[in-house]
Amino acid sequence: MDLQTFCQELPKLELHAHLNGSLSRSTMTFIKRFLALTGMADESDVFLDEFQVGPSDTKNLSDCFQVFDIAHKLTITKETLTMATALTLREFERDGCCYIELRSTPRQTAHLTISEYIETVVQSMKSARERGLICCFIISINRNSSKEDADVIVDHAIEYHTKYPDIVVGVELSGNPAVGMFQDFVPALDKARKAGLKITLHCGEICNTQEVIEMINFKPERIGHGIYIHPKFGGNDTTWDLLRNSRIPVEICLTSNVNTKSTPDFNSHHFKEFYNANIPVVLCTDDKGVFSTSLSQEYHICGETYGIEQSKLARLSLKACNYIFAEDVRKILTEKILNFINKNEL
């Protein structure tokens, strides 16, 4: 089986995908057409090319947060948020994804309350589950939030985790890493953890060794990116030893890191150091719409760039089952991937 076909057919788990950043061009076009037909104002008012960040343009990580605002202006009603969630989940499913933890910051808009935002995403996920895709919701706290706003988000996360424990499974801290201080969000994250929610943190997206140390010592269930941790990539021996000893799984986003210019190219990516050091890693897309990628493509890049053979790529997907937040479906997913491995004699 050629690598491209293999990566497409391999059952995959997506553990780091932001809803609004994952909107494809076709999904955004569909929503914009809906707004036009219903007579609602389309406040995005941009060419869709502006929603994408590529390796050869001048946009960097800080520019991405302005790009995300384009999608935010489209997902402002129950109808458009439902479309965005449902169509994005279908795209992941068609790409061979059998489990996804989709994340988003619940926003109050002119048409939605925070509760309605969460409920709308949950109902879309329930519909996707009926056709066999196991999908879960990680509720995001944006780093530019105040402590009070973070508390409000966590209170809603706890409420909906109690109501839908199989769907609302975690809380994450994300947003512009140059804004806010991690310690300001610890009380809210602690509250979420005590209520049974799992925690994942965007960690080491920029060079900030003190924050990396604080985050790893917080012992989240996972961290995202982890660029500036190894001494070769702006970290130091302390941050690297902490991560290695912690065994915290890292959500690796290859294309995202290259396209945001956080990493010069795939050959220079920190994945190699993590993989060779047996750090638990899982391949993810981050924002497949913004970065024009897919989970199959991330596996293909990994295999092609680092010479990882198909049997080992399959086991990357298999090991990801150990890092999911919905622990009750771990056995089902493990068996599904093992069946693929055995069927293809990998």
C-alpha atoms as a PDB file:
ATOM      1  CA  MET A   1       0.000   0.000   0.000  1.00  0.00           C
ATOM      2  CA  ASP A   2       1.425   3.393  -0.940  1.00  0.00           C
ATOM      3  CA  LEU A   3       1.967   5.905   1.870  1.00  0.00           C
ATOM      4  CA  GLN A   4      -0.819   8.277   0.843  1.00  0.00           C
ATOM      5  CA  THR A   5      -3.447   5.518   0.732  1.00  0.00           C
ATOM      6  CA  PHE A   6      -2.162   4.073   3.982  1.00  0.00           C
ATOM      7  CA  CYS A   7      -2.413   7.384   5.818  1.00  0.00           C
ATOM      8  CA  GLN A   8      -5.939   7.897   4.524  1.00  0.00           C
ATOM      9  CA  GLU A   9      -7.155   4.417   5.502  1.00  0.00           C
ATOM     10  CA  LEU A  10      -5.408   4.284   8.892  1.00  0.00           C
ATOM     11  CA  PRO A  11      -7.949   4.857  11.708  1.00  0.00           C
ATOM     12  CA  LYS A  12      -6.746   8.067  13.342  1.00  0.00           C
ATOM     13  CA  LEU A  13      -7.416  10.053  16.503  1.00  0.00           C
ATOM     14  CA  GLU A  14      -7.498  13.865  16.460  1.00  0.00           C
ATOM     15  CA  LEU A  15      -6.714  15.341  19.888  1.00  0.00           C
ATOM     16  CA  HIS A  16      -5.831  18.948  19.029  1.00  0.00           C
ATOM     17  CA  ALA A  17      -8.234  20.679  16.658  1.00  0.00           C
ATOM     18  CA  HIS A  18      -9.798  24.107  17.137  1.00  0.00           C
ATOM     19  CA  LEU A  19     -13.306  24.311  15.689  1.00  0.00           C
ATOM     20  CA  ASN A  20     -13.114  27.771  14.139  1.00  0.00           C
ATOM     21  CA  GLY A  21      -9.583  27.255  12.809  1.00  0.00           C
ATOM     22  CA  SER A  22     -10.665  23.954  11.251  1.00  0.00           C
ATOM     23  CA  LEU A  23     -13.321  25.447   8.965  1.00  0.00           C
ATOM     24  CA  SER A  24     -12.544  24.485   5.383  1.00  0.00           C
ATOM     25  CA  ARG A  25     -13.006  26.785   2.423  1.00  0.00           C
ATOM     26  CA  SER A  26     -16.112  24.813   1.387  1.00  0.00           C
ATOM     27  CA  THR A  27     -17.622  25.068   4.874  1.00  0.00           C
ATOM     28  CA  MET A  28     -17.025  28.817   5.038  1.00  0.00           C
ATOM     29  CA  THR A  29     -18.494  29.261   1.552  1.00  0.00           C
ATOM     30  CA  PHE A  30     -21.563  27.243   2.604  1.00  0.00           C
ATOM     31  CA  ILE A  31     -22.066  29.404   5.705  1.00  0.00           C
ATOM     32  CA  LYS A  32     -21.545  32.651   3.790  1.00  0.00           C
ATOM     33  CA  ARG A  33     -24.134  31.520   1.232  1.00  0.00           C
ATOM     34  CA  PHE A  34     -26.557  30.681   4.050  1.00  0.00           C
ATOM     35  CA  LEU A  35     -26.131  34.140   5.541  1.00  0.00           C
ATOM     36  CA  ALA A  36     -26.758  35.731   2.157  1.00  0.00           C
ATOM     37  CA  LEU A  37     -29.903  33.669   1.513  1.00  0.00           C
ATOM     38  CA  THR A  38     -31.337  34.450   4.939  1.00  0.00           C
ATOM     39  CA  GLY A  39     -30.583  38.142   4.661  1.00  0.00           C
ATOM     40  CA  MET A  40     -28.193  38.179   7.617  1.00  0.00           C
ATOM     41  CA  ALA A  41     -25.139  40.412   7.569  1.00  0.00           C
ATOM     42  CA  ASP A  42     -21.879  38.627   6.720  1.00  0.00           C
ATOM     43  CA  GLU A  43     -19.468  40.501   8.950  1.00  0.00           C
ATOM     44  CA  SER A  44     -16.458  38.421   7.899  1.00  0.00           C
ATOM     45  CA  ASP A  45     -16.211  40.643   4.772  1.00  0.00           C
ATOM     46  CA  VAL A  46     -12.971  39.069   3.470  1.00  0.00           C
ATOM     47  CA  PHE A  47     -11.633  36.940   0.661  1.00  0.00           C
ATOM     48  CA  LEU A  48     -11.310  33.348   1.829  1.00  0.00           C
ATOM     49  CA  ASP A  49      -7.605  33.377   0.903  1.00  0.00           C
ATOM     50  CA  GLU A  50      -7.106  35.668   3.895  1.00  0.00           C
ATOM     51  CA  PHE A  51      -8.194  32.820   6.186  1.00  0.00           C
ATOM     52  CA  GLN A  52      -5.141  30.743   5.289  1.00  0.00           C
ATOM     53  CA  VAL A  53      -1.575  30.866   6.617  1.00  0.00           C
ATOM     54  CA  GLY A  54       1.073  29.150   4.491  1.00  0.00           C
ATOM     55  CA  PRO A  55       4.789  28.377   4.760  1.00  0.00           C
ATOM     56  CA  SER A  56       5.814  30.874   2.110  1.00  0.00           C
ATOM     57  CA  ASP A  57       3.735  33.909   3.113  1.00  0.00           C
ATOM     58  CA  THR A  58       4.677  36.595   5.641  1.00  0.00           C
ATOM     59  CA  LYS A  59       2.109  35.644   8.284  1.00  0.00           C
ATOM     60  CA  ASN A  60       3.380  34.299  11.601  1.00  0.00           C
ATOM     61  CA  LEU A  61       1.914  32.993  14.855  1.00  0.00           C
ATOM     62  CA  SER A  62       0.715  36.388  16.068  1.00  0.00           C
ATOM     63  CA  ASP A  63      -1.102  36.992  12.762  1.00  0.00           C
ATOM     64  CA  CYS A  64      -3.096  33.781  13.212  1.00  0.00           C
ATOM     65  CA  PHE A  65      -5.181  35.248  15.994  1.00  0.00           C
ATOM     66  CA  GLN A  66      -6.448  37.929  13.627  1.00  0.00           C
ATOM     67  CA  VAL A  67      -7.186  35.268  11.014  1.00  0.00           C
ATOM     68  CA  PHE A  68      -9.336  33.324  13.505  1.00  0.00           C
ATOM     69  CA  ASP A  69     -11.588  36.357  13.883  1.00  0.00           C
ATOM     70  CA  ILE A  70     -12.811  35.739  10.333  1.00  0.00           C
ATOM     71  CA  ALA A  71     -14.325  32.399  11.361  1.00  0.00           C
ATOM     72  CA  HIS A  72     -15.627  33.845  14.622  1.00  0.00           C
ATOM     73  CA  LYS A  73     -17.700  36.334  12.634  1.00  0.00           C
ATOM     74  CA  LEU A  74     -19.377  33.466  10.792  1.00  0.00           C
ATOM     75  CA  THR A  75     -20.192  31.190  13.752  1.00  0.00           C
ATOM     76  CA  ILE A  76     -22.426  33.699  15.524  1.00  0.00           C
ATOM     77  CA  THR A  77     -25.830  32.002  15.343  1.00  0.00           C
ATOM     78  CA  LYS A  78     -27.132  28.599  16.333  1.00  0.00           C
ATOM     79  CA  GLU A  79     -27.616  27.719  12.659  1.00  0.00           C
ATOM     80  CA  THR A  80     -24.138  28.708  11.470  1.00  0.00           C
ATOM     81  CA  LEU A  81     -22.421  27.177  14.519  1.00  0.00           C
ATOM     82  CA  THR A  82     -24.323  23.938  13.890  1.00  0.00           C
ATOM     83  CA  MET A  83     -23.219  23.966  10.245  1.00  0.00           C
ATOM     84  CA  ALA A  84     -19.616  24.684  11.184  1.00  0.00           C
ATOM     85  CA  THR A  85     -19.478  21.873  13.736  1.00  0.00           C
ATOM     86  CA  ALA A  86     -21.355  19.290  11.681  1.00  0.00           C
ATOM     87  CA  LEU A  87     -19.461  19.898   8.437  1.00  0.00           C
ATOM     88  CA  THR A  88     -16.080  19.946  10.190  1.00  0.00           C
ATOM     89  CA  LEU A  89     -16.801  16.657  11.944  1.00  0.00           C
ATOM     90  CA  ARG A  90     -17.845  15.096   8.617  1.00  0.00           C
ATOM     91  CA  GLU A  91     -14.576  16.218   7.018  1.00  0.00           C
ATOM     92  CA  PHE A  92     -12.526  14.631   9.793  1.00  0.00           C
ATOM     93  CA  GLU A  93     -14.593  11.463   9.475  1.00  0.00           C
ATOM     94  CA  ARG A  94     -14.050  11.292   5.704  1.00  0.00           C
ATOM     95  CA  ASP A  95     -10.329  11.657   6.373  1.00  0.00           C
ATOM     96  CA  GLY A  96     -10.319   8.420   8.371  1.00  0.00           C
ATOM     97  CA  CYS A  97     -10.673   9.944  11.813  1.00  0.00           C
ATOM     98  CA  CYS A  98     -12.511   7.617  14.202  1.00  0.00           C
ATOM     99  CA  TYR A  99     -12.223   9.785  17.328  1.00  0.00           C
ATOM    100  CA  ILE A 100     -11.933  13.536  17.749  1.00  0.00           C
ATOM    101  CA  GLU A 101     -11.707  15.968  20.615  1.00  0.00           C
ATOM    102  CA  LEU A 102     -12.797  19.261  19.071  1.00  0.00           C
ATOM    103  CA  ARG A 103     -12.049  22.381  21.091  1.00  0.00           C
ATOM    104  CA  SER A 104     -13.538  25.865  21.128  1.00  0.00           C
ATOM    105  CA  THR A 105     -13.966  28.889  23.379  1.00  0.00           C
ATOM    106  CA  PRO A 106     -17.697  29.399  24.025  1.00  0.00           C
ATOM    107  CA  ARG A 107     -18.509  32.979  23.018  1.00  0.00           C
ATOM    108  CA  GLN A 108     -21.460  35.174  23.736  1.00  0.00           C
ATOM    109  CA  THR A 109     -22.635  36.750  20.473  1.00  0.00           C
ATOM    110  CA  ALA A 110     -25.599  38.887  19.472  1.00  0.00           C
ATOM    111  CA  HIS A 111     -27.460  35.636  18.810  1.00  0.00           C
ATOM    112  CA  LEU A 112     -25.999  33.147  21.312  1.00  0.00           C
ATOM    113  CA  THR A 113     -25.318  32.955  25.031  1.00  0.00           C
ATOM    114  CA  ILE A 114     -22.329  30.976  26.310  1.00  0.00           C
ATOM    115  CA  SER A 115     -24.687  28.164  27.338  1.00  0.00           C
ATOM    116  CA  GLU A 116     -26.340  28.117  23.927  1.00  0.00           C
ATOM    117  CA  TYR A 117     -22.930  27.995  22.235  1.00  0.00           C
ATOM    118  CA  ILE A 118     -21.932  24.907  24.241  1.00  0.00           C
ATOM    119  CA  GLU A 119     -25.332  23.242  23.799  1.00  0.00           C
ATOM    120  CA  THR A 120     -25.220  23.791  20.029  1.00  0.00           C
ATOM    121  CA  VAL A 121     -21.792  22.156  19.698  1.00  0.00           C
ATOM    122  CA  VAL A 122     -22.851  19.268  21.947  1.00  0.00           C
ATOM    123  CA  GLN A 123     -26.015  18.578  19.937  1.00  0.00           C
ATOM    124  CA  SER A 124     -24.008  18.529  16.697  1.00  0.00           C
ATOM    125  CA  MET A 125     -21.637  16.040  18.286  1.00  0.00           C
ATOM    126  CA  LYS A 126     -24.526  13.857  19.439  1.00  0.00           C
ATOM    127  CA  SER A 127     -25.738  13.714  15.839  1.00  0.00           C
ATOM    128  CA  ALA A 128     -22.257  12.741  14.620  1.00  0.00           C
ATOM    129  CA  ARG A 129     -22.054  10.024  17.260  1.00  0.00           C
ATOM    130  CA  GLU A 130     -25.269   8.489  15.924  1.00  0.00           C
ATOM    131  CA  ARG A 131     -23.487   7.680  12.677  1.00  0.00           C
ATOM    132  CA  GLY A 132     -20.434   6.244  14.453  1.00  0.00           C
ATOM    133  CA  LEU A 133     -17.916   9.061  14.884  1.00  0.00           C
ATOM    134  CA  ILE A 134     -16.833   9.306  18.511  1.00  0.00           C
ATOM    135  CA  CYS A 135     -16.457  13.017  19.171  1.00  0.00           C
ATOM    136  CA  CYS A 136     -15.897  14.999  22.335  1.00  0.00           C
ATOM    137  CA  PHE A 137     -15.732  18.660  23.319  1.00  0.00           C
ATOM    138  CA  ILE A 138     -12.812  20.376  25.037  1.00  0.00           C
ATOM    139  CA  ILE A 139     -13.876  23.805  26.276  1.00  0.00           C
ATOM    140  CA  SER A 140     -11.200  26.456  25.784  1.00  0.00           C
ATOM    141  CA  ILE A 141     -10.115  29.339  27.966  1.00  0.00           C
ATOM    142  CA  ASN A 142      -8.509  32.134  25.962  1.00  0.00           C
ATOM    143  CA  ARG A 143      -5.355  33.619  27.476  1.00  0.00           C
ATOM    144  CA  ASN A 144      -6.653  37.121  26.896  1.00  0.00           C
ATOM    145  CA  SER A 145      -9.538  36.424  29.285  1.00  0.00           C
ATOM    146  CA  SER A 146      -9.744  37.944  32.740  1.00  0.00           C
ATOM    147  CA  LYS A 147      -9.690  35.686  35.786  1.00  0.00           C
ATOM    148  CA  GLU A 148     -13.414  36.337  36.169  1.00  0.00           C
ATOM    149  CA  ASP A 149     -14.158  35.354  32.570  1.00  0.00           C
ATOM    150  CA  ALA A 150     -12.052  32.200  32.976  1.00  0.00           C
ATOM    151  CA  ASP A 151     -14.117  31.288  36.032  1.00  0.00           C
ATOM    152  CA  VAL A 152     -17.316  31.759  34.041  1.00  0.00           C
ATOM    153  CA  ILE A 153     -16.048  29.462  31.270  1.00  0.00           C
ATOM    154  CA  VAL A 154     -15.008  26.794  33.777  1.00  0.00           C
ATOM    155  CA  ASP A 155     -18.347  26.983  35.593  1.00  0.00           C
ATOM    156  CA  HIS A 156     -20.090  26.351  32.274  1.00  0.00           C
ATOM    157  CA  ALA A 157     -17.665  23.524  31.484  1.00  0.00           C
ATOM    158  CA  ILE A 158     -18.436  21.865  34.820  1.00  0.00           C
ATOM    159  CA  GLU A 159     -22.182  22.291  34.288  1.00  0.00           C
ATOM    160  CA  TYR A 160     -22.063  20.663  30.855  1.00  0.00           C
ATOM    161  CA  HIS A 161     -19.609  17.971  31.940  1.00  0.00           C
ATOM    162  CA  THR A 162     -22.166  16.993  34.573  1.00  0.00           C
ATOM    163  CA  LYS A 163     -24.934  17.058  31.962  1.00  0.00           C
ATOM    164  CA  TYR A 164     -22.994  15.360  29.141  1.00  0.00           C
ATOM    165  CA  PRO A 165     -20.030  13.552  30.775  1.00  0.00           C
ATOM    166  CA  ASP A 166     -19.309  11.467  27.664  1.00  0.00           C
ATOM    167  CA  ILE A 167     -19.042  14.554  25.425  1.00  0.00           C
ATOM    168  CA  VAL A 168     -17.710  17.488  27.481  1.00  0.00           C
ATOM    169  CA  VAL A 169     -14.473  15.911  28.665  1.00  0.00           C
ATOM    170  CA  GLY A 170     -11.844  18.606  29.160  1.00  0.00           C
ATOM    171  CA  VAL A 171     -10.699  22.184  29.480  1.00  0.00           C
ATOM    172  CA  GLU A 172      -7.741  23.775  27.722  1.00  0.00           C
ATOM    173  CA  LEU A 173      -5.777  27.016  27.907  1.00  0.00           C
ATOM    174  CA  SER A 174      -4.917  28.510  24.521  1.00  0.00           C
ATOM    175  CA  GLY A 175      -4.764  31.793  22.612  1.00  0.00           C
ATOM    176  CA  ASN A 176      -1.923  34.215  22.017  1.00  0.00           C
ATOM    177  CA  PRO A 177       0.987  32.872  24.153  1.00  0.00           C
ATOM    178  CA  ALA A 178       2.417  36.376  24.462  1.00  0.00           C
ATOM    179  CA  VAL A 179      -0.707  37.502  26.348  1.00  0.00           C
ATOM    180  CA  GLY A 180      -1.586  36.728  29.968  1.00  0.00           C
ATOM    181  CA  MET A 181       0.168  34.710  32.656  1.00  0.00           C
ATOM    182  CA  PHE A 182      -0.392  31.012  33.235  1.00  0.00           C
ATOM    183  CA  GLN A 183      -0.540  31.404  37.026  1.00  0.00           C
ATOM    184  CA  ASP A 184      -3.591  33.653  36.684  1.00  0.00           C
ATOM    185  CA  PHE A 185      -5.547  30.716  35.256  1.00  0.00           C
ATOM    186  CA  VAL A 186      -4.419  28.044  37.723  1.00  0.00           C
ATOM    187  CA  PRO A 187      -7.364  28.529  40.129  1.00  0.00           C
ATOM    188  CA  ALA A 188      -9.898  28.079  37.311  1.00  0.00           C
ATOM    189  CA  LEU A 189      -8.017  25.073  35.913  1.00  0.00           C
ATOM    190  CA  ASP A 190      -7.796  23.546  39.393  1.00  0.00           C
ATOM    191  CA  LYS A 191     -11.543  23.941  39.788  1.00  0.00           C
ATOM    192  CA  ALA A 192     -12.113  22.165  36.462  1.00  0.00           C
ATOM    193  CA  ARG A 193      -9.752  19.350  37.400  1.00  0.00           C
ATOM    194  CA  LYS A 194     -11.459  18.794  40.765  1.00  0.00           C
ATOM    195  CA  ALA A 195     -14.782  18.507  38.940  1.00  0.00           C
ATOM    196  CA  GLY A 196     -13.434  15.633  36.834  1.00  0.00           C
ATOM    197  CA  LEU A 197     -12.439  17.482  33.663  1.00  0.00           C
ATOM    198  CA  LYS A 198      -9.112  16.670  32.000  1.00  0.00           C
ATOM    199  CA  ILE A 199      -6.631  19.470  31.272  1.00  0.00           C
ATOM    200  CA  THR A 200      -4.512  20.252  28.230  1.00  0.00           C
ATOM    201  CA  LEU A 201      -2.330  23.344  27.877  1.00  0.00           C
ATOM    202  CA  HIS A 202      -0.756  25.100  24.915  1.00  0.00           C
ATOM    203  CA  CYS A 203       2.812  24.985  26.168  1.00  0.00           C
ATOM    204  CA  GLY A 204       6.101  26.264  24.774  1.00  0.00           C
ATOM    205  CA  GLU A 205       4.675  27.998  21.701  1.00  0.00           C
ATOM    206  CA  ILE A 206       7.073  30.871  22.365  1.00  0.00           C
ATOM    207  CA  CYS A 207      10.294  31.018  24.364  1.00  0.00           C
ATOM    208  CA  ASN A 208       9.192  31.276  28.004  1.00  0.00           C
ATOM    209  CA  THR A 209      11.055  28.705  30.074  1.00  0.00           C
ATOM    210  CA  GLN A 210       9.540  29.803  33.373  1.00  0.00           C
ATOM    211  CA  GLU A 211       6.018  29.246  32.084  1.00  0.00           C
ATOM    212  CA  VAL A 212       6.982  25.883  30.577  1.00  0.00           C
ATOM    213  CA  ILE A 213       8.269  24.809  33.994  1.00  0.00           C
ATOM    214  CA  GLU A 214       5.080  26.025  35.687  1.00  0.00           C
ATOM    215  CA  MET A 215       2.882  24.224  33.164  1.00  0.00           C
ATOM    216  CA  ILE A 216       4.694  20.899  33.356  1.00  0.00           C
ATOM    217  CA  ASN A 217       4.690  21.060  37.162  1.00  0.00           C
ATOM    218  CA  PHE A 218       0.918  21.598  37.003  1.00  0.00           C
ATOM    219  CA  LYS A 219       0.785  18.044  35.557  1.00  0.00           C
ATOM    220  CA  PRO A 220      -1.847  18.455  32.832  1.00  0.00           C
ATOM    221  CA  GLU A 221      -3.035  15.306  31.073  1.00  0.00           C
ATOM    222  CA  ARG A 222      -1.512  16.625  27.825  1.00  0.00           C
ATOM    223  CA  ILE A 223       0.273  19.659  26.414  1.00  0.00           C
ATOM    224  CA  GLY A 224       0.078  21.123  22.932  1.00  0.00           C
ATOM    225  CA  HIS A 225       2.977  22.041  20.609  1.00  0.00           C
ATOM    226  CA  GLY A 226       5.942  21.979  23.031  1.00  0.00           C
ATOM    227  CA  ILE A 227       8.224  23.813  20.610  1.00  0.00           C
ATOM    228  CA  TYR A 228      10.478  25.691  23.042  1.00  0.00           C
ATOM    229  CA  ILE A 229      11.267  22.870  25.472  1.00  0.00           C
ATOM    230  CA  HIS A 230      14.267  20.992  24.087  1.00  0.00           C
ATOM    231  CA  PRO A 231      17.624  22.845  24.444  1.00  0.00           C
ATOM    232  CA  LYS A 232      18.072  22.814  20.642  1.00  0.00           C
ATOM    233  CA  PHE A 233      14.810  24.699  20.181  1.00  0.00           C
ATOM    234  CA  GLY A 234      14.928  27.485  22.748  1.00  0.00           C
ATOM    235  CA  GLY A 235      14.334  25.428  25.880  1.00  0.00           C
ATOM    236  CA  ASN A 236      16.984  24.288  28.325  1.00  0.00           C
ATOM    237  CA  ASP A 237      18.075  21.181  30.209  1.00  0.00           C
ATOM    238  CA  THR A 238      15.613  21.891  33.005  1.00  0.00           C
ATOM    239  CA  THR A 239      12.552  22.100  30.748  1.00  0.00           C
ATOM    240  CA  TRP A 240      13.635  19.080  28.718  1.00  0.00           C
ATOM    241  CA  ASP A 241      14.334  16.920  31.772  1.00  0.00           C
ATOM    242  CA  LEU A 242      11.016  17.949  33.316  1.00  0.00           C
ATOM    243  CA  LEU A 243       9.094  16.888  30.224  1.00  0.00           C
ATOM    244  CA  ARG A 244      10.967  13.607  29.843  1.00  0.00           C
ATOM    245  CA  ASN A 245      10.427  12.694  33.478  1.00  0.00           C
ATOM    246  CA  SER A 246       6.795  13.766  33.490  1.00  0.00           C
ATOM    247  CA  ARG A 247       5.796  11.485  30.583  1.00  0.00           C
ATOM    248  CA  ILE A 248       3.106  14.039  29.668  1.00  0.00           C
ATOM    249  CA  PRO A 249       1.889  13.354  26.108  1.00  0.00           C
ATOM    250  CA  VAL A 250       2.526  16.116  23.571  1.00  0.00           C
ATOM    251  CA  GLU A 251       0.071  17.066  20.814  1.00  0.00           C
ATOM    252  CA  ILE A 252       2.372  17.572  17.807  1.00  0.00           C
ATOM    253  CA  CYS A 253       1.182  19.907  15.029  1.00  0.00           C
ATOM    254  CA  LEU A 254       3.747  19.721  12.231  1.00  0.00           C
ATOM    255  CA  THR A 255       2.179  21.880   9.529  1.00  0.00           C
ATOM    256  CA  SER A 256       0.908  24.430  12.036  1.00  0.00           C
ATOM    257  CA  ASN A 257       4.384  24.995  13.454  1.00  0.00           C
ATOM    258  CA  VAL A 258       5.958  25.368  10.000  1.00  0.00           C
ATOM    259  CA  ASN A 259       3.232  27.615   8.587  1.00  0.00           C
ATOM    260  CA  THR A 260       3.321  29.943  11.626  1.00  0.00           C
ATOM    261  CA  LYS A 261       7.109  30.175  11.159  1.00  0.00           C
ATOM    262  CA  SER A 262       7.594  28.771  14.680  1.00  0.00           C
ATOM    263  CA  THR A 263       9.748  26.112  13.003  1.00  0.00           C
ATOM    264  CA  PRO A 264      11.797  26.781   9.813  1.00  0.00           C
ATOM    265  CA  ASP A 265      10.768  23.564   8.060  1.00  0.00           C
ATOM    266  CA  PHE A 266       9.716  19.975   8.716  1.00  0.00           C
ATOM    267  CA  ASN A 267      13.303  18.718   8.874  1.00  0.00           C
ATOM    268  CA  SER A 268      13.998  21.204  11.666  1.00  0.00           C
ATOM    269  CA  HIS A 269      10.911  20.261  13.668  1.00  0.00           C
ATOM    270  CA  HIS A 270      11.261  19.163  17.303  1.00  0.00           C
ATOM    271  CA  PHE A 271       9.186  16.034  16.600  1.00  0.00           C
ATOM    272  CA  LYS A 272      12.394  14.117  15.834  1.00  0.00           C
ATOM    273  CA  GLU A 273      13.879  14.807  19.273  1.00  0.00           C
ATOM    274  CA  PHE A 274      10.638  13.935  21.038  1.00  0.00           C
ATOM    275  CA  TYR A 275      10.105  10.723  19.078  1.00  0.00           C
ATOM    276  CA  ASN A 276      13.692   9.534  19.527  1.00  0.00           C
ATOM    277  CA  ALA A 277      13.497  10.265  23.267  1.00  0.00           C
ATOM    278  CA  ASN A 278      10.293   8.190  23.546  1.00  0.00           C
ATOM    279  CA  ILE A 279       8.252  11.187  24.670  1.00  0.00           C
ATOM    280  CA  PRO A 280       4.558  10.254  24.247  1.00  0.00           C
ATOM    281  CA  VAL A 281       3.417  12.105  21.111  1.00  0.00           C
ATOM    282  CA  VAL A 282       0.248  12.271  19.037  1.00  0.00           C
ATOM    283  CA  LEU A 283      -0.008  13.837  15.576  1.00  0.00           C
ATOM    284  CA  CYS A 284      -2.678  16.540  15.246  1.00  0.00           C
ATOM    285  CA  THR A 285      -3.836  19.218  12.805  1.00  0.00           C
ATOM    286  CA  ASP A 286      -4.402  22.224  15.128  1.00  0.00           C
ATOM    287  CA  ASP A 287      -6.315  24.334  12.558  1.00  0.00           C
ATOM    288  CA  LYS A 288      -6.785  22.335   9.363  1.00  0.00           C
ATOM    289  CA  GLY A 289      -8.664  25.143   7.603  1.00  0.00           C
ATOM    290  CA  VAL A 290      -6.159  27.875   8.339  1.00  0.00           C
ATOM    291  CA  PHE A 291      -3.159  25.673   7.525  1.00  0.00           C
ATOM    292  CA  SER A 292      -4.695  23.723   4.601  1.00  0.00           C
ATOM    293  CA  THR A 293      -3.937  20.311   6.050  1.00  0.00           C
ATOM    294  CA  SER A 294      -5.624  17.111   7.209  1.00  0.00           C
ATOM    295  CA  LEU A 295      -4.788  14.449   9.744  1.00  0.00           C
ATOM    296  CA  SER A 296      -3.884  12.057   6.906  1.00  0.00           C
ATOM    297  CA  GLN A 297      -1.516  14.693   5.566  1.00  0.00           C
ATOM    298  CA  GLU A 298       0.155  15.078   8.976  1.00  0.00           C
ATOM    299  CA  TYR A 299       0.813  11.321   9.083  1.00  0.00           C
ATOM    300  CA  HIS A 300       2.075  11.423   5.497  1.00  0.00           C
ATOM    301  CA  ILE A 301       4.487  14.271   6.292  1.00  0.00           C
ATOM    302  CA  CYS A 302       5.707  12.391   9.356  1.00  0.00           C
ATOM    303  CA  GLY A 303       6.355   9.191   7.425  1.00  0.00           C
ATOM    304  CA  GLU A 304       7.958  10.892   4.443  1.00  0.00           C
ATOM    305  CA  THR A 305      10.080  13.436   6.327  1.00  0.00           C
ATOM    306  CA  TYR A 306      11.377  11.283   9.157  1.00  0.00           C
ATOM    307  CA  GLY A 307      11.461   7.912   7.415  1.00  0.00           C
ATOM    308  CA  ILE A 308       8.960   6.337   9.796  1.00  0.00           C
ATOM    309  CA  GLU A 309       7.640   3.148   8.248  1.00  0.00           C
ATOM    310  CA  GLN A 310       3.939   2.326   8.030  1.00  0.00           C
ATOM    311  CA  SER A 311       3.935  -0.135  10.915  1.00  0.00           C
ATOM    312  CA  LYS A 312       5.364   2.526  13.235  1.00  0.00           C
ATOM    313  CA  LEU A 313       2.950   5.186  11.964  1.00  0.00           C
ATOM    314  CA  ALA A 314       0.099   2.794  12.769  1.00  0.00           C
ATOM    315  CA  ARG A 315       1.458   2.402  16.280  1.00  0.00           C
ATOM    316  CA  LEU A 316       1.585   6.165  16.718  1.00  0.00           C
ATOM    317  CA  SER A 317      -2.161   6.126  16.142  1.00  0.00           C
ATOM    318  CA  LEU A 318      -2.546   3.112  18.426  1.00  0.00           C
ATOM    319  CA  LYS A 319      -0.636   4.754  21.278  1.00  0.00           C
ATOM    320  CA  ALA A 320      -2.803   7.852  20.941  1.00  0.00           C
ATOM    321  CA  CYS A 321      -5.621   5.762  22.412  1.00  0.00           C
ATOM    322  CA  ASN A 322      -3.791   5.973  25.749  1.00  0.00           C
ATOM    323  CA  TYR A 323      -3.946   9.770  25.732  1.00  0.00           C
ATOM    324  CA  ILE A 324      -7.633  10.422  24.990  1.00  0.00           C
ATOM    325  CA  PHE A 325      -9.838  12.115  27.572  1.00  0.00           C
ATOM    326  CA  ALA A 326     -12.873   9.847  27.025  1.00  0.00           C
ATOM    327  CA  GLU A 327     -11.372   6.837  28.751  1.00  0.00           C
ATOM    328  CA  ASP A 328     -14.517   4.700  28.417  1.00  0.00           C
ATOM    329  CA  VAL A 329     -14.024   4.328  24.639  1.00  0.00           C
ATOM    330  CA  ARG A 330     -10.310   3.529  24.803  1.00  0.00           C
ATOM    331  CA  LYS A 331     -10.851  -0.214  24.396  1.00  0.00           C
ATOM    332  CA  ILE A 332     -13.126   0.233  21.356  1.00  0.00           C
ATOM    333  CA  LEU A 333     -10.614   2.472  19.605  1.00  0.00           C
ATOM    334  CA  THR A 334      -7.663   0.236  20.482  1.00  0.00           C
ATOM    335  CA  GLU A 335      -9.426  -2.788  18.983  1.00  0.00           C
ATOM    336  CA  LYS A 336     -10.306  -0.847  15.831  1.00  0.00           C
ATOM    337  CA  ILE A 337      -6.705   0.166  15.182  1.00  0.00           C
ATOM    338  CA  LEU A 338      -5.349  -3.278  16.112  1.00  0.00           C
ATOM    339  CA  ASN A 339      -7.753  -4.821  13.596  1.00  0.00           C
ATOM    340  CA  PHE A 340      -6.316  -2.516  10.922  1.00  0.00           C
ATOM    341  CA  ILE A 341      -2.749  -3.427  11.945  1.00  0.00           C
ATOM    342  CA  ASN A 342      -3.464  -7.157  11.890  1.00  0.00           C
ATOM    343  CA  LYS A 343      -5.446  -7.009   8.634  1.00  0.00           C
ATOM    344  CA  ASN A 344      -2.565  -5.270   6.886  1.00  0.00           C
ATOM    345  CA  GLU A 345       0.111  -7.376   8.648  1.00  0.00           C
ATOM    346  CA  LEU A 346       1.878  -4.317  10.027  1.00  0.00           C
END
